Amino acid sequence: MNQGRLSVEFRERTKNFASTVIRLFVALPKEREEVRILGKQLLRSGTSVAAHVREACRARSDAEFCSKLEGALQEADESQLWLELLRDDCQINAGAVDPIHREADELIAIMVAMVSNTKQKDESRKMKTISLLLVLLSAFCFLFSQFFL
């Protein structure tokens, strides 16, 4: 089922990603300053993925749709960075971090495909329009030559 330009399932998947990030944030040890700071960064970027996807659903054009999804892509990539830093430099349990990191990876792959397909469709539409204009111009030139030359 679709709501706007994206399926309800995809919207739910990004919302679940945000919820998982929130649960990880709540479980993080807040006594260490670096964990608190990185956790807040992760919380912001991880929840922004779902927000951008929601905005993309209501896009009024292909360009706006791609822009919103590209924003979600940036936030998902940034979330991966914070997860890696929490795991590698702050010794946060990989068992808690890695599944979220993998889900971000999958969401990125899906959104890259969506943006690519939308841009290709838009390019194809532009090429068809140009072809039609060339045919019309050719027909006009032919008619002009028949009547005036």
C-alpha atoms as a PDB file:
ATOM      1  CA  MET A   1       0.000   0.000   0.000  1.00  0.00           C
ATOM      2  CA  ASN A   2       1.233   3.493  -0.823  1.00  0.00           C
ATOM      3  CA  GLN A   3       0.845   6.735   1.005  1.00  0.00           C
ATOM      4  CA  GLY A   4       2.047   9.500  -1.235  1.00  0.00           C
ATOM      5  CA  ARG A   5       5.054   8.458  -3.303  1.00  0.00           C
ATOM      6  CA  LEU A   6       6.319   5.744  -0.936  1.00  0.00           C
ATOM      7  CA  SER A   7       4.853   2.553   0.432  1.00  0.00           C
ATOM      8  CA  VAL A   8       3.471   2.379   3.948  1.00  0.00           C
ATOM      9  CA  GLU A   9       5.917  -0.492   4.534  1.00  0.00           C
ATOM     10  CA  PHE A  10       8.918   1.690   3.714  1.00  0.00           C
ATOM     11  CA  ARG A  11       7.615   4.519   5.884  1.00  0.00           C
ATOM     12  CA  GLU A  12       7.149   2.043   8.737  1.00  0.00           C
ATOM     13  CA  ARG A  13      10.626   0.644   8.194  1.00  0.00           C
ATOM     14  CA  THR A  14      12.227   4.064   8.562  1.00  0.00           C
ATOM     15  CA  LYS A  15      10.044   4.806  11.593  1.00  0.00           C
ATOM     16  CA  ASN A  16      11.175   1.499  13.140  1.00  0.00           C
ATOM     17  CA  PHE A  17      14.769   2.507  12.421  1.00  0.00           C
ATOM     18  CA  ALA A  18      14.183   5.756  14.328  1.00  0.00           C
ATOM     19  CA  SER A  19      12.562   3.840  17.197  1.00  0.00           C
ATOM     20  CA  THR A  20      15.524   1.465  17.387  1.00  0.00           C
ATOM     21  CA  VAL A  21      17.909   4.425  17.510  1.00  0.00           C
ATOM     22  CA  ILE A  22      15.843   5.951  20.333  1.00  0.00           C
ATOM     23  CA  ARG A  23      15.968   2.690  22.314  1.00  0.00           C
ATOM     24  CA  LEU A  24      19.746   2.489  21.858  1.00  0.00           C
ATOM     25  CA  PHE A  25      20.114   6.106  22.982  1.00  0.00           C
ATOM     26  CA  VAL A  26      18.070   5.431  26.121  1.00  0.00           C
ATOM     27  CA  ALA A  27      20.249   2.402  26.920  1.00  0.00           C
ATOM     28  CA  LEU A  28      23.580   4.219  26.463  1.00  0.00           C
ATOM     29  CA  PRO A  29      25.630   4.932  29.596  1.00  0.00           C
ATOM     30  CA  LYS A  30      25.286   8.692  30.077  1.00  0.00           C
ATOM     31  CA  GLU A  31      28.117   9.129  32.595  1.00  0.00           C
ATOM     32  CA  ARG A  32      30.732   9.480  29.860  1.00  0.00           C
ATOM     33  CA  GLU A  33      30.678  12.816  28.069  1.00  0.00           C
ATOM     34  CA  GLU A  34      31.756  11.418  24.687  1.00  0.00           C
ATOM     35  CA  VAL A  35      29.011   8.762  24.761  1.00  0.00           C
ATOM     36  CA  ARG A  36      26.426  11.399  25.651  1.00  0.00           C
ATOM     37  CA  ILE A  37      27.524  13.681  22.818  1.00  0.00           C
ATOM     38  CA  LEU A  38      27.744  10.930  20.186  1.00  0.00           C
ATOM     39  CA  GLY A  39      24.454   9.487  21.430  1.00  0.00           C
ATOM     40  CA  LYS A  40      22.691  12.815  20.940  1.00  0.00           C
ATOM     41  CA  GLN A  41      24.166  13.143  17.457  1.00  0.00           C
ATOM     42  CA  LEU A  42      22.934   9.643  16.629  1.00  0.00           C
ATOM     43  CA  LEU A  43      19.502  10.410  18.061  1.00  0.00           C
ATOM     44  CA  ARG A  44      19.203  13.502  15.873  1.00  0.00           C
ATOM     45  CA  SER A  45      20.402  11.913  12.636  1.00  0.00           C
ATOM     46  CA  GLY A  46      18.674   8.570  13.171  1.00  0.00           C
ATOM     47  CA  THR A  47      15.271  10.114  13.740  1.00  0.00           C
ATOM     48  CA  SER A  48      15.788  12.529  10.845  1.00  0.00           C
ATOM     49  CA  VAL A  49      15.871   9.606   8.403  1.00  0.00           C
ATOM     50  CA  ALA A  50      12.186   8.893   9.056  1.00  0.00           C
ATOM     51  CA  ALA A  51      11.321  12.603   9.025  1.00  0.00           C
ATOM     52  CA  HIS A  52      12.895  13.118   5.589  1.00  0.00           C
ATOM     53  CA  VAL A  53      11.129  10.029   4.242  1.00  0.00           C
ATOM     54  CA  ARG A  54       7.812  11.423   5.491  1.00  0.00           C
ATOM     55  CA  GLU A  55       8.576  14.700   3.734  1.00  0.00           C
ATOM     56  CA  ALA A  56       9.462  12.835   0.525  1.00  0.00           C
ATOM     57  CA  CYS A  57       6.023  11.217   0.566  1.00  0.00           C
ATOM     58  CA  ARG A  58       4.469  14.628   0.133  1.00  0.00           C
ATOM     59  CA  ALA A  59       6.857  15.936  -2.510  1.00  0.00           C
ATOM     60  CA  ARG A  60       5.220  17.979  -5.245  1.00  0.00           C
ATOM     61  CA  SER A  61       7.793  17.138  -7.911  1.00  0.00           C
ATOM     62  CA  ASP A  62      10.411  14.543  -8.764  1.00  0.00           C
ATOM     63  CA  ALA A  63      13.142  17.060  -7.932  1.00  0.00           C
ATOM     64  CA  GLU A  64      11.673  17.690  -4.477  1.00  0.00           C
ATOM     65  CA  PHE A  65      11.207  13.929  -3.938  1.00  0.00           C
ATOM     66  CA  CYS A  66      14.864  13.275  -4.780  1.00  0.00           C
ATOM     67  CA  SER A  67      16.006  16.158  -2.604  1.00  0.00           C
ATOM     68  CA  LYS A  68      14.110  14.848   0.440  1.00  0.00           C
ATOM     69  CA  LEU A  69      15.345  11.286  -0.104  1.00  0.00           C
ATOM     70  CA  GLU A  70      18.900  12.557  -0.539  1.00  0.00           C
ATOM     71  CA  GLY A  71      18.497  14.303   2.821  1.00  0.00           C
ATOM     72  CA  ALA A  72      17.412  10.994   4.345  1.00  0.00           C
ATOM     73  CA  LEU A  73      20.449   9.334   2.734  1.00  0.00           C
ATOM     74  CA  GLN A  74      22.790  11.876   4.313  1.00  0.00           C
ATOM     75  CA  GLU A  75      21.203  11.357   7.726  1.00  0.00           C
ATOM     76  CA  ALA A  76      21.419   7.549   7.433  1.00  0.00           C
ATOM     77  CA  ASP A  77      25.084   7.797   6.445  1.00  0.00           C
ATOM     78  CA  GLU A  78      25.748  10.171   9.338  1.00  0.00           C
ATOM     79  CA  SER A  79      23.977   7.742  11.690  1.00  0.00           C
ATOM     80  CA  GLN A  80      26.376   5.040  10.569  1.00  0.00           C
ATOM     81  CA  LEU A  81      29.306   7.274  11.485  1.00  0.00           C
ATOM     82  CA  TRP A  82      27.998   7.855  15.034  1.00  0.00           C
ATOM     83  CA  LEU A  83      27.308   4.140  15.434  1.00  0.00           C
ATOM     84  CA  GLU A  84      30.842   3.283  14.323  1.00  0.00           C
ATOM     85  CA  LEU A  85      32.346   5.809  16.739  1.00  0.00           C
ATOM     86  CA  LEU A  86      30.229   4.533  19.619  1.00  0.00           C
ATOM     87  CA  ARG A  87      31.249   0.955  18.852  1.00  0.00           C
ATOM     88  CA  ASP A  88      34.908   1.485  17.960  1.00  0.00           C
ATOM     89  CA  ASP A  89      35.955   4.348  20.215  1.00  0.00           C
ATOM     90  CA  CYS A  90      33.518   4.226  23.126  1.00  0.00           C
ATOM     91  CA  GLN A  91      33.352   0.432  23.490  1.00  0.00           C
ATOM     92  CA  ILE A  92      29.566   0.295  23.134  1.00  0.00           C
ATOM     93  CA  ASN A  93      28.486  -3.320  22.606  1.00  0.00           C
ATOM     94  CA  ALA A  94      28.682  -4.278  18.930  1.00  0.00           C
ATOM     95  CA  GLY A  95      25.652  -6.506  19.451  1.00  0.00           C
ATOM     96  CA  ALA A  96      23.566  -3.406  20.087  1.00  0.00           C
ATOM     97  CA  VAL A  97      25.150  -1.270  17.374  1.00  0.00           C
ATOM     98  CA  ASP A  98      25.729  -3.601  14.416  1.00  0.00           C
ATOM     99  CA  PRO A  99      22.077  -4.481  13.634  1.00  0.00           C
ATOM    100  CA  ILE A 100      21.218  -0.784  13.496  1.00  0.00           C
ATOM    101  CA  HIS A 101      24.253  -0.149  11.297  1.00  0.00           C
ATOM    102  CA  ARG A 102      23.158  -2.942   8.917  1.00  0.00           C
ATOM    103  CA  GLU A 103      19.619  -1.552   8.746  1.00  0.00           C
ATOM    104  CA  ALA A 104      21.024   1.886   7.894  1.00  0.00           C
ATOM    105  CA  ASP A 105      23.057   0.215   5.141  1.00  0.00           C
ATOM    106  CA  GLU A 106      19.937  -1.429   3.703  1.00  0.00           C
ATOM    107  CA  LEU A 107      17.923   1.788   3.897  1.00  0.00           C
ATOM    108  CA  ILE A 108      20.728   3.639   2.107  1.00  0.00           C
ATOM    109  CA  ALA A 109      20.766   1.043  -0.690  1.00  0.00           C
ATOM    110  CA  ILE A 110      16.982   1.274  -1.106  1.00  0.00           C
ATOM    111  CA  MET A 111      16.976   5.067  -1.172  1.00  0.00           C
ATOM    112  CA  VAL A 112      19.896   5.239  -3.614  1.00  0.00           C
ATOM    113  CA  ALA A 113      17.900   2.999  -5.973  1.00  0.00           C
ATOM    114  CA  MET A 114      14.772   5.160  -5.534  1.00  0.00           C
ATOM    115  CA  VAL A 115      16.645   8.375  -6.304  1.00  0.00           C
ATOM    116  CA  SER A 116      18.440   6.806  -9.267  1.00  0.00           C
ATOM    117  CA  ASN A 117      15.215   5.402 -10.743  1.00  0.00           C
ATOM    118  CA  THR A 118      13.398   8.708 -10.293  1.00  0.00           C
ATOM    119  CA  LYS A 119      16.197  10.660 -11.957  1.00  0.00           C
ATOM    120  CA  GLN A 120      16.360   8.179 -14.849  1.00  0.00           C
ATOM    121  CA  LYS A 121      12.600   8.426 -15.317  1.00  0.00           C
ATOM    122  CA  ASP A 122      12.866  12.217 -15.326  1.00  0.00           C
ATOM    123  CA  GLU A 123      15.708  12.112 -17.890  1.00  0.00           C
ATOM    124  CA  SER A 124      13.696   9.728 -20.070  1.00  0.00           C
ATOM    125  CA  ARG A 125      10.722  12.099 -19.921  1.00  0.00           C
ATOM    126  CA  LYS A 126      12.957  15.018 -20.932  1.00  0.00           C
ATOM    127  CA  MET A 127      14.402  13.056 -23.861  1.00  0.00           C
ATOM    128  CA  LYS A 128      10.898  12.155 -25.087  1.00  0.00           C
ATOM    129  CA  THR A 129       9.905  15.823 -24.897  1.00  0.00           C
ATOM    130  CA  ILE A 130      13.000  16.866 -26.840  1.00  0.00           C
ATOM    131  CA  SER A 131      12.326  14.172 -29.450  1.00  0.00           C
ATOM    132  CA  LEU A 132       8.740  15.339 -29.836  1.00  0.00           C
ATOM    133  CA  LEU A 133       9.886  18.952 -30.228  1.00  0.00           C
ATOM    134  CA  LEU A 134      12.399  17.916 -32.886  1.00  0.00           C
ATOM    135  CA  VAL A 135       9.698  16.043 -34.807  1.00  0.00           C
ATOM    136  CA  LEU A 136       7.401  19.067 -34.600  1.00  0.00           C
ATOM    137  CA  LEU A 137      10.212  21.381 -35.699  1.00  0.00           C
ATOM    138  CA  SER A 138      11.007  19.087 -38.603  1.00  0.00           C
ATOM    139  CA  ALA A 139       7.346  19.000 -39.641  1.00  0.00           C
ATOM    140  CA  PHE A 140       7.160  22.789 -39.372  1.00  0.00           C
ATOM    141  CA  CYS A 141      10.273  23.182 -41.528  1.00  0.00           C
ATOM    142  CA  PHE A 142       8.851  20.781 -44.126  1.00  0.00           C
ATOM    143  CA  LEU A 143       5.527  22.641 -44.260  1.00  0.00           C
ATOM    144  CA  PHE A 144       7.304  25.994 -44.407  1.00  0.00           C
ATOM    145  CA  SER A 145       9.416  24.792 -47.338  1.00  0.00           C
ATOM    146  CA  GLN A 146       6.321  23.514 -49.165  1.00  0.00           C
ATOM    147  CA  PHE A 147       4.389  26.755 -48.860  1.00  0.00           C
ATOM    148  CA  PHE A 148       7.029  29.451 -49.003  1.00  0.00           C
ATOM    149  CA  LEU A 149       9.965  28.143 -51.028  1.00  0.00           C
END
